[in-house]
Amino acid sequence: MNLRFLVKRFAQTFVLTFTLLLGVYVVQGQDFRAAAVDALLWAFISASIFVGTALYYKKTSKPCALCRDDGE
């Protein structure tokens, strides 16, 4: 697992989570600017947890079903 893989996964997770949360917050009636700030915060937290979990699995040599496409 290299840095390029982790950055790619972080970006994919961040964009997907941000888009989903922003849509949910706006549909619920939250102001767009406040919804964007909340979505940015939670997208960053969730992407960080995702990458942290991948690093943990790599460190402990556990199988990671989400990390299969990195050539391992």
PDB file of N, CA and C in Angstrom:
ATOM      1  N   MET A   1       0.861  -1.168   0.000  1.00  0.00           N
ATOM      2  CA  MET A   1       0.000   0.000   0.000  1.00  0.00           C
ATOM      3  C   MET A   1       0.905   1.228   0.000  1.00  0.00           C
ATOM      4  N   ASN A   2       0.789   2.032  -1.029  1.00  0.00           N
ATOM      5  CA  ASN A   2       1.651   3.200  -1.133  1.00  0.00           C
ATOM      6  C   ASN A   2       0.854   4.487  -0.908  1.00  0.00           C
ATOM      7  N   LEU A   3       1.574   5.589  -0.911  1.00  0.00           N
ATOM      8  CA  LEU A   3       0.953   6.884  -0.655  1.00  0.00           C
ATOM      9  C   LEU A   3      -0.082   7.234  -1.721  1.00  0.00           C
ATOM     10  N   ARG A   4       0.208   6.903  -2.966  1.00  0.00           N
ATOM     11  CA  ARG A   4      -0.734   7.204  -4.057  1.00  0.00           C
ATOM     12  C   ARG A   4      -2.072   6.500  -3.834  1.00  0.00           C
ATOM     13  N   PHE A   5      -2.005   5.238  -3.409  1.00  0.00           N
ATOM     14  CA  PHE A   5      -3.222   4.479  -3.132  1.00  0.00           C
ATOM     15  C   PHE A   5      -4.026   5.140  -2.009  1.00  0.00           C
ATOM     16  N   LEU A   6      -3.344   5.534  -0.937  1.00  0.00           N
ATOM     17  CA  LEU A   6      -4.038   6.137   0.200  1.00  0.00           C
ATOM     18  C   LEU A   6      -4.664   7.484  -0.161  1.00  0.00           C
ATOM     19  N   VAL A   7      -3.945   8.285  -0.922  1.00  0.00           N
ATOM     20  CA  VAL A   7      -4.483   9.589  -1.335  1.00  0.00           C
ATOM     21  C   VAL A   7      -5.699   9.397  -2.244  1.00  0.00           C
ATOM     22  N   LYS A   8      -5.599   8.432  -3.155  1.00  0.00           N
ATOM     23  CA  LYS A   8      -6.716   8.142  -4.063  1.00  0.00           C
ATOM     24  C   LYS A   8      -7.950   7.704  -3.273  1.00  0.00           C
ATOM     25  N   ARG A   9      -7.750   6.784  -2.329  1.00  0.00           N
ATOM     26  CA  ARG A   9      -8.882   6.315  -1.519  1.00  0.00           C
ATOM     27  C   ARG A   9      -9.452   7.426  -0.644  1.00  0.00           C
ATOM     28  N   PHE A  10      -8.576   8.272  -0.078  1.00  0.00           N
ATOM     29  CA  PHE A  10      -9.050   9.385   0.728  1.00  0.00           C
ATOM     30  C   PHE A  10      -9.922  10.311  -0.117  1.00  0.00           C
ATOM     31  N   ALA A  11      -9.443  10.644  -1.312  1.00  0.00           N
ATOM     32  CA  ALA A  11     -10.187  11.555  -2.190  1.00  0.00           C
ATOM     33  C   ALA A  11     -11.526  10.955  -2.609  1.00  0.00           C
ATOM     34  N   GLN A  12     -11.522   9.674  -2.961  1.00  0.00           N
ATOM     35  CA  GLN A  12     -12.769   9.027  -3.374  1.00  0.00           C
ATOM     36  C   GLN A  12     -13.776   9.012  -2.228  1.00  0.00           C
ATOM     37  N   THR A  13     -13.320   8.640  -1.056  1.00  0.00           N
ATOM     38  CA  THR A  13     -14.207   8.581   0.103  1.00  0.00           C
ATOM     39  C   THR A  13     -14.712   9.972   0.467  1.00  0.00           C
ATOM     40  N   PHE A  14     -13.813  10.962   0.433  1.00  0.00           N
ATOM     41  CA  PHE A  14     -14.179  12.326   0.782  1.00  0.00           C
ATOM     42  C   PHE A  14     -15.241  12.876  -0.163  1.00  0.00           C
ATOM     43  N   VAL A  15     -15.016  12.738  -1.469  1.00  0.00           N
ATOM     44  CA  VAL A  15     -15.955  13.284  -2.454  1.00  0.00           C
ATOM     45  C   VAL A  15     -17.318  12.608  -2.357  1.00  0.00           C
ATOM     46  N   LEU A  16     -17.333  11.287  -2.247  1.00  0.00           N
ATOM     47  CA  LEU A  16     -18.592  10.563  -2.152  1.00  0.00           C
ATOM     48  C   LEU A  16     -19.363  10.949  -0.892  1.00  0.00           C
ATOM     49  N   THR A  17     -18.676  10.989   0.232  1.00  0.00           N
ATOM     50  CA  THR A  17     -19.334  11.337   1.497  1.00  0.00           C
ATOM     51  C   THR A  17     -19.816  12.779   1.483  1.00  0.00           C
ATOM     52  N   PHE A  18     -18.982  13.694   0.984  1.00  0.00           N
ATOM     53  CA  PHE A  18     -19.372  15.099   0.928  1.00  0.00           C
ATOM     54  C   PHE A  18     -20.627  15.295   0.085  1.00  0.00           C
ATOM     55  N   THR A  19     -20.643  14.675  -1.085  1.00  0.00           N
ATOM     56  CA  THR A  19     -21.788  14.816  -1.987  1.00  0.00           C
ATOM     57  C   THR A  19     -23.059  14.272  -1.352  1.00  0.00           C
ATOM     58  N   LEU A  20     -22.959  13.110  -0.781  1.00  0.00           N
ATOM     59  CA  LEU A  20     -24.117  12.489  -0.146  1.00  0.00           C
ATOM     60  C   LEU A  20     -24.630  13.330   1.023  1.00  0.00           C
ATOM     61  N   LEU A  21     -23.727  13.742   1.913  1.00  0.00           N
ATOM     62  CA  LEU A  21     -24.150  14.525   3.070  1.00  0.00           C
ATOM     63  C   LEU A  21     -24.691  15.897   2.677  1.00  0.00           C
ATOM     64  N   LEU A  22     -24.064  16.530   1.707  1.00  0.00           N
ATOM     65  CA  LEU A  22     -24.559  17.840   1.271  1.00  0.00           C
ATOM     66  C   LEU A  22     -25.981  17.717   0.736  1.00  0.00           C
ATOM     67  N   GLY A  23     -26.223  16.697  -0.056  1.00  0.00           N
ATOM     68  CA  GLY A  23     -27.577  16.479  -0.571  1.00  0.00           C
ATOM     69  C   GLY A  23     -28.587  16.240   0.534  1.00  0.00           C
ATOM     70  N   VAL A  24     -28.213  15.440   1.503  1.00  0.00           N
ATOM     71  CA  VAL A  24     -29.122  15.139   2.616  1.00  0.00           C
ATOM     72  C   VAL A  24     -29.408  16.398   3.425  1.00  0.00           C
ATOM     73  N   TYR A  25     -28.363  17.165   3.741  1.00  0.00           N
ATOM     74  CA  TYR A  25     -28.560  18.378   4.539  1.00  0.00           C
ATOM     75  C   TYR A  25     -29.424  19.405   3.818  1.00  0.00           C
ATOM     76  N   VAL A  26     -29.223  19.559   2.513  1.00  0.00           N
ATOM     77  CA  VAL A  26     -30.010  20.533   1.751  1.00  0.00           C
ATOM     78  C   VAL A  26     -31.466  20.081   1.656  1.00  0.00           C
ATOM     79  N   VAL A  27     -31.685  18.785   1.428  1.00  0.00           N
ATOM     80  CA  VAL A  27     -33.058  18.275   1.354  1.00  0.00           C
ATOM     81  C   VAL A  27     -33.770  18.444   2.690  1.00  0.00           C
ATOM     82  N   GLN A  28     -33.029  18.349   3.780  1.00  0.00           N
ATOM     83  CA  GLN A  28     -33.635  18.533   5.104  1.00  0.00           C
ATOM     84  C   GLN A  28     -33.972  19.987   5.390  1.00  0.00           C
ATOM     85  N   GLY A  29     -33.515  20.907   4.536  1.00  0.00           N
ATOM     86  CA  GLY A  29     -33.880  22.307   4.696  1.00  0.00           C
ATOM     87  C   GLY A  29     -32.803  23.166   5.328  1.00  0.00           C
ATOM     88  N   GLN A  30     -31.609  22.639   5.495  1.00  0.00           N
ATOM     89  CA  GLN A  30     -30.518  23.413   6.079  1.00  0.00           C
ATOM     90  C   GLN A  30     -29.990  24.398   5.039  1.00  0.00           C
ATOM     91  N   ASP A  31     -29.570  25.574   5.502  1.00  0.00           N
ATOM     92  CA  ASP A  31     -28.973  26.575   4.626  1.00  0.00           C
ATOM     93  C   ASP A  31     -27.788  25.959   3.883  1.00  0.00           C
ATOM     94  N   PHE A  32     -27.600  26.318   2.597  1.00  0.00           N
ATOM     95  CA  PHE A  32     -26.573  25.679   1.767  1.00  0.00           C
ATOM     96  C   PHE A  32     -25.172  25.857   2.346  1.00  0.00           C
ATOM     97  N   ARG A  33     -24.861  27.047   2.824  1.00  0.00           N
ATOM     98  CA  ARG A  33     -23.518  27.297   3.369  1.00  0.00           C
ATOM     99  C   ARG A  33     -23.277  26.475   4.627  1.00  0.00           C
ATOM    100  N   ALA A  34     -24.238  26.423   5.512  1.00  0.00           N
ATOM    101  CA  ALA A  34     -24.097  25.621   6.734  1.00  0.00           C
ATOM    102  C   ALA A  34     -24.037  24.132   6.393  1.00  0.00           C
ATOM    103  N   ALA A  35     -24.824  23.737   5.402  1.00  0.00           N
ATOM    104  CA  ALA A  35     -24.812  22.339   4.976  1.00  0.00           C
ATOM    105  C   ALA A  35     -23.449  21.971   4.400  1.00  0.00           C
ATOM    106  N   ALA A  36     -22.850  22.871   3.628  1.00  0.00           N
ATOM    107  CA  ALA A  36     -21.538  22.607   3.038  1.00  0.00           C
ATOM    108  C   ALA A  36     -20.461  22.489   4.114  1.00  0.00           C
ATOM    109  N   VAL A  37     -20.509  23.346   5.120  1.00  0.00           N
ATOM    110  CA  VAL A  37     -19.531  23.285   6.212  1.00  0.00           C
ATOM    111  C   VAL A  37     -19.670  21.976   6.981  1.00  0.00           C
ATOM    112  N   ASP A  38     -20.893  21.614   7.325  1.00  0.00           N
ATOM    113  CA  ASP A  38     -21.122  20.354   8.037  1.00  0.00           C
ATOM    114  C   ASP A  38     -20.688  19.153   7.202  1.00  0.00           C
ATOM    115  N   ALA A  39     -21.023  19.175   5.922  1.00  0.00           N
ATOM    116  CA  ALA A  39     -20.657  18.068   5.037  1.00  0.00           C
ATOM    117  C   ALA A  39     -19.141  17.970   4.890  1.00  0.00           C
ATOM    118  N   LEU A  40     -18.444  19.105   4.784  1.00  0.00           N
ATOM    119  CA  LEU A  40     -16.982  19.094   4.704  1.00  0.00           C
ATOM    120  C   LEU A  40     -16.363  18.476   5.957  1.00  0.00           C
ATOM    121  N   LEU A  41     -16.857  18.875   7.103  1.00  0.00           N
ATOM    122  CA  LEU A  41     -16.325  18.351   8.365  1.00  0.00           C
ATOM    123  C   LEU A  41     -16.508  16.842   8.461  1.00  0.00           C
ATOM    124  N   TRP A  42     -17.713  16.378   8.240  1.00  0.00           N
ATOM    125  CA  TRP A  42     -17.992  14.948   8.379  1.00  0.00           C
ATOM    126  C   TRP A  42     -17.367  14.114   7.270  1.00  0.00           C
ATOM    127  N   ALA A  43     -17.223  14.681   6.092  1.00  0.00           N
ATOM    128  CA  ALA A  43     -16.543  13.967   5.009  1.00  0.00           C
ATOM    129  C   ALA A  43     -15.067  13.797   5.342  1.00  0.00           C
ATOM    130  N   PHE A  44     -14.455  14.829   5.899  1.00  0.00           N
ATOM    131  CA  PHE A  44     -13.051  14.726   6.298  1.00  0.00           C
ATOM    132  C   PHE A  44     -12.870  13.687   7.400  1.00  0.00           C
ATOM    133  N   ILE A  45     -13.746  13.688   8.379  1.00  0.00           N
ATOM    134  CA  ILE A  45     -13.663  12.717   9.478  1.00  0.00           C
ATOM    135  C   ILE A  45     -13.826  11.301   8.951  1.00  0.00           C
ATOM    136  N   SER A  46     -14.818  11.072   8.104  1.00  0.00           N
ATOM    137  CA  SER A  46     -15.066   9.712   7.612  1.00  0.00           C
ATOM    138  C   SER A  46     -13.945   9.232   6.692  1.00  0.00           C
ATOM    139  N   ALA A  47     -13.404  10.102   5.851  1.00  0.00           N
ATOM    140  CA  ALA A  47     -12.298   9.707   4.980  1.00  0.00           C
ATOM    141  C   ALA A  47     -11.042   9.416   5.794  1.00  0.00           C
ATOM    142  N   SER A  48     -10.823  10.184   6.838  1.00  0.00           N
ATOM    143  CA  SER A  48      -9.672   9.937   7.712  1.00  0.00           C
ATOM    144  C   SER A  48      -9.793   8.600   8.423  1.00  0.00           C
ATOM    145  N   ILE A  49     -10.972   8.269   8.892  1.00  0.00           N
ATOM    146  CA  ILE A  49     -11.199   6.969   9.531  1.00  0.00           C
ATOM    147  C   ILE A  49     -10.982   5.843   8.531  1.00  0.00           C
ATOM    148  N   PHE A  50     -11.454   6.026   7.316  1.00  0.00           N
ATOM    149  CA  PHE A  50     -11.286   5.012   6.278  1.00  0.00           C
ATOM    150  C   PHE A  50      -9.811   4.741   6.014  1.00  0.00           C
ATOM    151  N   VAL A  51      -9.018   5.791   5.810  1.00  0.00           N
ATOM    152  CA  VAL A  51      -7.591   5.632   5.537  1.00  0.00           C
ATOM    153  C   VAL A  51      -6.865   5.103   6.770  1.00  0.00           C
ATOM    154  N   GLY A  52      -7.246   5.581   7.939  1.00  0.00           N
ATOM    155  CA  GLY A  52      -6.635   5.078   9.169  1.00  0.00           C
ATOM    156  C   GLY A  52      -6.871   3.593   9.358  1.00  0.00           C
ATOM    157  N   THR A  53      -8.051   3.139   9.027  1.00  0.00           N
ATOM    158  CA  THR A  53      -8.366   1.714   9.126  1.00  0.00           C
ATOM    159  C   THR A  53      -7.538   0.905   8.136  1.00  0.00           C
ATOM    160  N   ALA A  54      -7.365   1.417   6.925  1.00  0.00           N
ATOM    161  CA  ALA A  54      -6.536   0.726   5.936  1.00  0.00           C
ATOM    162  C   ALA A  54      -5.096   0.629   6.419  1.00  0.00           C
ATOM    163  N   LEU A  55      -4.577   1.692   7.018  1.00  0.00           N
ATOM    164  CA  LEU A  55      -3.221   1.659   7.563  1.00  0.00           C
ATOM    165  C   LEU A  55      -3.105   0.678   8.725  1.00  0.00           C
ATOM    166  N   TYR A  56      -4.116   0.633   9.560  1.00  0.00           N
ATOM    167  CA  TYR A  56      -4.119  -0.307  10.680  1.00  0.00           C
ATOM    168  C   TYR A  56      -4.087  -1.749  10.186  1.00  0.00           C
ATOM    169  N   TYR A  57      -4.913  -2.052   9.193  1.00  0.00           N
ATOM    170  CA  TYR A  57      -4.925  -3.408   8.637  1.00  0.00           C
ATOM    171  C   TYR A  57      -3.574  -3.759   8.023  1.00  0.00           C
ATOM    172  N   LYS A  58      -2.948  -2.794   7.363  1.00  0.00           N
ATOM    173  CA  LYS A  58      -1.638  -3.029   6.774  1.00  0.00           C
ATOM    174  C   LYS A  58      -0.592  -3.278   7.861  1.00  0.00           C
ATOM    175  N   LYS A  59      -0.627  -2.480   8.913  1.00  0.00           N
ATOM    176  CA  LYS A  59       0.345  -2.595  10.002  1.00  0.00           C
ATOM    177  C   LYS A  59       0.223  -3.922  10.727  1.00  0.00           C
ATOM    178  N   THR A  60      -1.000  -4.393  10.919  1.00  0.00           N
ATOM    179  CA  THR A  60      -1.221  -5.634  11.661  1.00  0.00           C
ATOM    180  C   THR A  60      -1.284  -6.858  10.756  1.00  0.00           C
ATOM    181  N   SER A  61      -1.038  -6.680   9.471  1.00  0.00           N
ATOM    182  CA  SER A  61      -1.038  -7.765   8.478  1.00  0.00           C
ATOM    183  C   SER A  61      -2.349  -8.535   8.431  1.00  0.00           C
ATOM    184  N   LYS A  62      -3.430  -7.825   8.628  1.00  0.00           N
ATOM    185  CA  LYS A  62      -4.759  -8.421   8.519  1.00  0.00           C
ATOM    186  C   LYS A  62      -5.250  -8.271   7.082  1.00  0.00           C
ATOM    187  N   PRO A  63      -6.069  -9.209   6.612  1.00  0.00           N
ATOM    188  CA  PRO A  63      -6.606  -9.059   5.245  1.00  0.00           C
ATOM    189  C   PRO A  63      -7.581  -7.884   5.174  1.00  0.00           C
ATOM    190  N   CYS A  64      -7.463  -7.122   4.122  1.00  0.00           N
ATOM    191  CA  CYS A  64      -8.309  -5.938   3.931  1.00  0.00           C
ATOM    192  C   CYS A  64      -9.036  -6.074   2.604  1.00  0.00           C
ATOM    193  N   ALA A  65     -10.322  -6.355   2.661  1.00  0.00           N
ATOM    194  CA  ALA A  65     -11.103  -6.544   1.434  1.00  0.00           C
ATOM    195  C   ALA A  65     -11.202  -5.259   0.612  1.00  0.00           C
ATOM    196  N   LEU A  66     -11.127  -4.105   1.264  1.00  0.00           N
ATOM    197  CA  LEU A  66     -11.219  -2.826   0.557  1.00  0.00           C
ATOM    198  C   LEU A  66      -9.899  -2.416  -0.074  1.00  0.00           C
ATOM    199  N   CYS A  67      -8.818  -3.087   0.286  1.00  0.00           N
ATOM    200  CA  CYS A  67      -7.484  -2.692  -0.190  1.00  0.00           C
ATOM    201  C   CYS A  67      -6.948  -3.643  -1.251  1.00  0.00           C
ATOM    202  N   ARG A  68      -7.753  -4.482  -1.827  1.00  0.00           N
ATOM    203  CA  ARG A  68      -7.269  -5.508  -2.748  1.00  0.00           C
ATOM    204  C   ARG A  68      -6.678  -4.961  -4.040  1.00  0.00           C
ATOM    205  N   ASP A  69      -7.147  -3.836  -4.513  1.00  0.00           N
ATOM    206  CA  ASP A  69      -6.702  -3.375  -5.834  1.00  0.00           C
ATOM    207  C   ASP A  69      -5.374  -2.643  -5.810  1.00  0.00           C
ATOM    208  N   ASP A  70      -4.642  -2.657  -4.712  1.00  0.00           N
ATOM    209  CA  ASP A  70      -3.373  -1.952  -4.673  1.00  0.00           C
ATOM    210  C   ASP A  70      -2.188  -2.843  -4.999  1.00  0.00           C
ATOM    211  N   GLY A  71      -2.441  -4.044  -5.499  1.00  0.00           N
ATOM    212  CA  GLY A  71      -1.363  -4.896  -5.952  1.00  0.00           C
ATOM    213  C   GLY A  71      -0.827  -5.843  -4.913  1.00  0.00           C
ATOM    214  N   GLU A  72      -1.458  -5.934  -3.758  1.00  0.00           N
ATOM    215  CA  GLU A  72      -0.968  -6.840  -2.723  1.00  0.00           C
ATOM    216  C   GLU A  72      -1.449  -8.245  -2.951  1.00  0.00           C
TER     217      GLU A  72
END
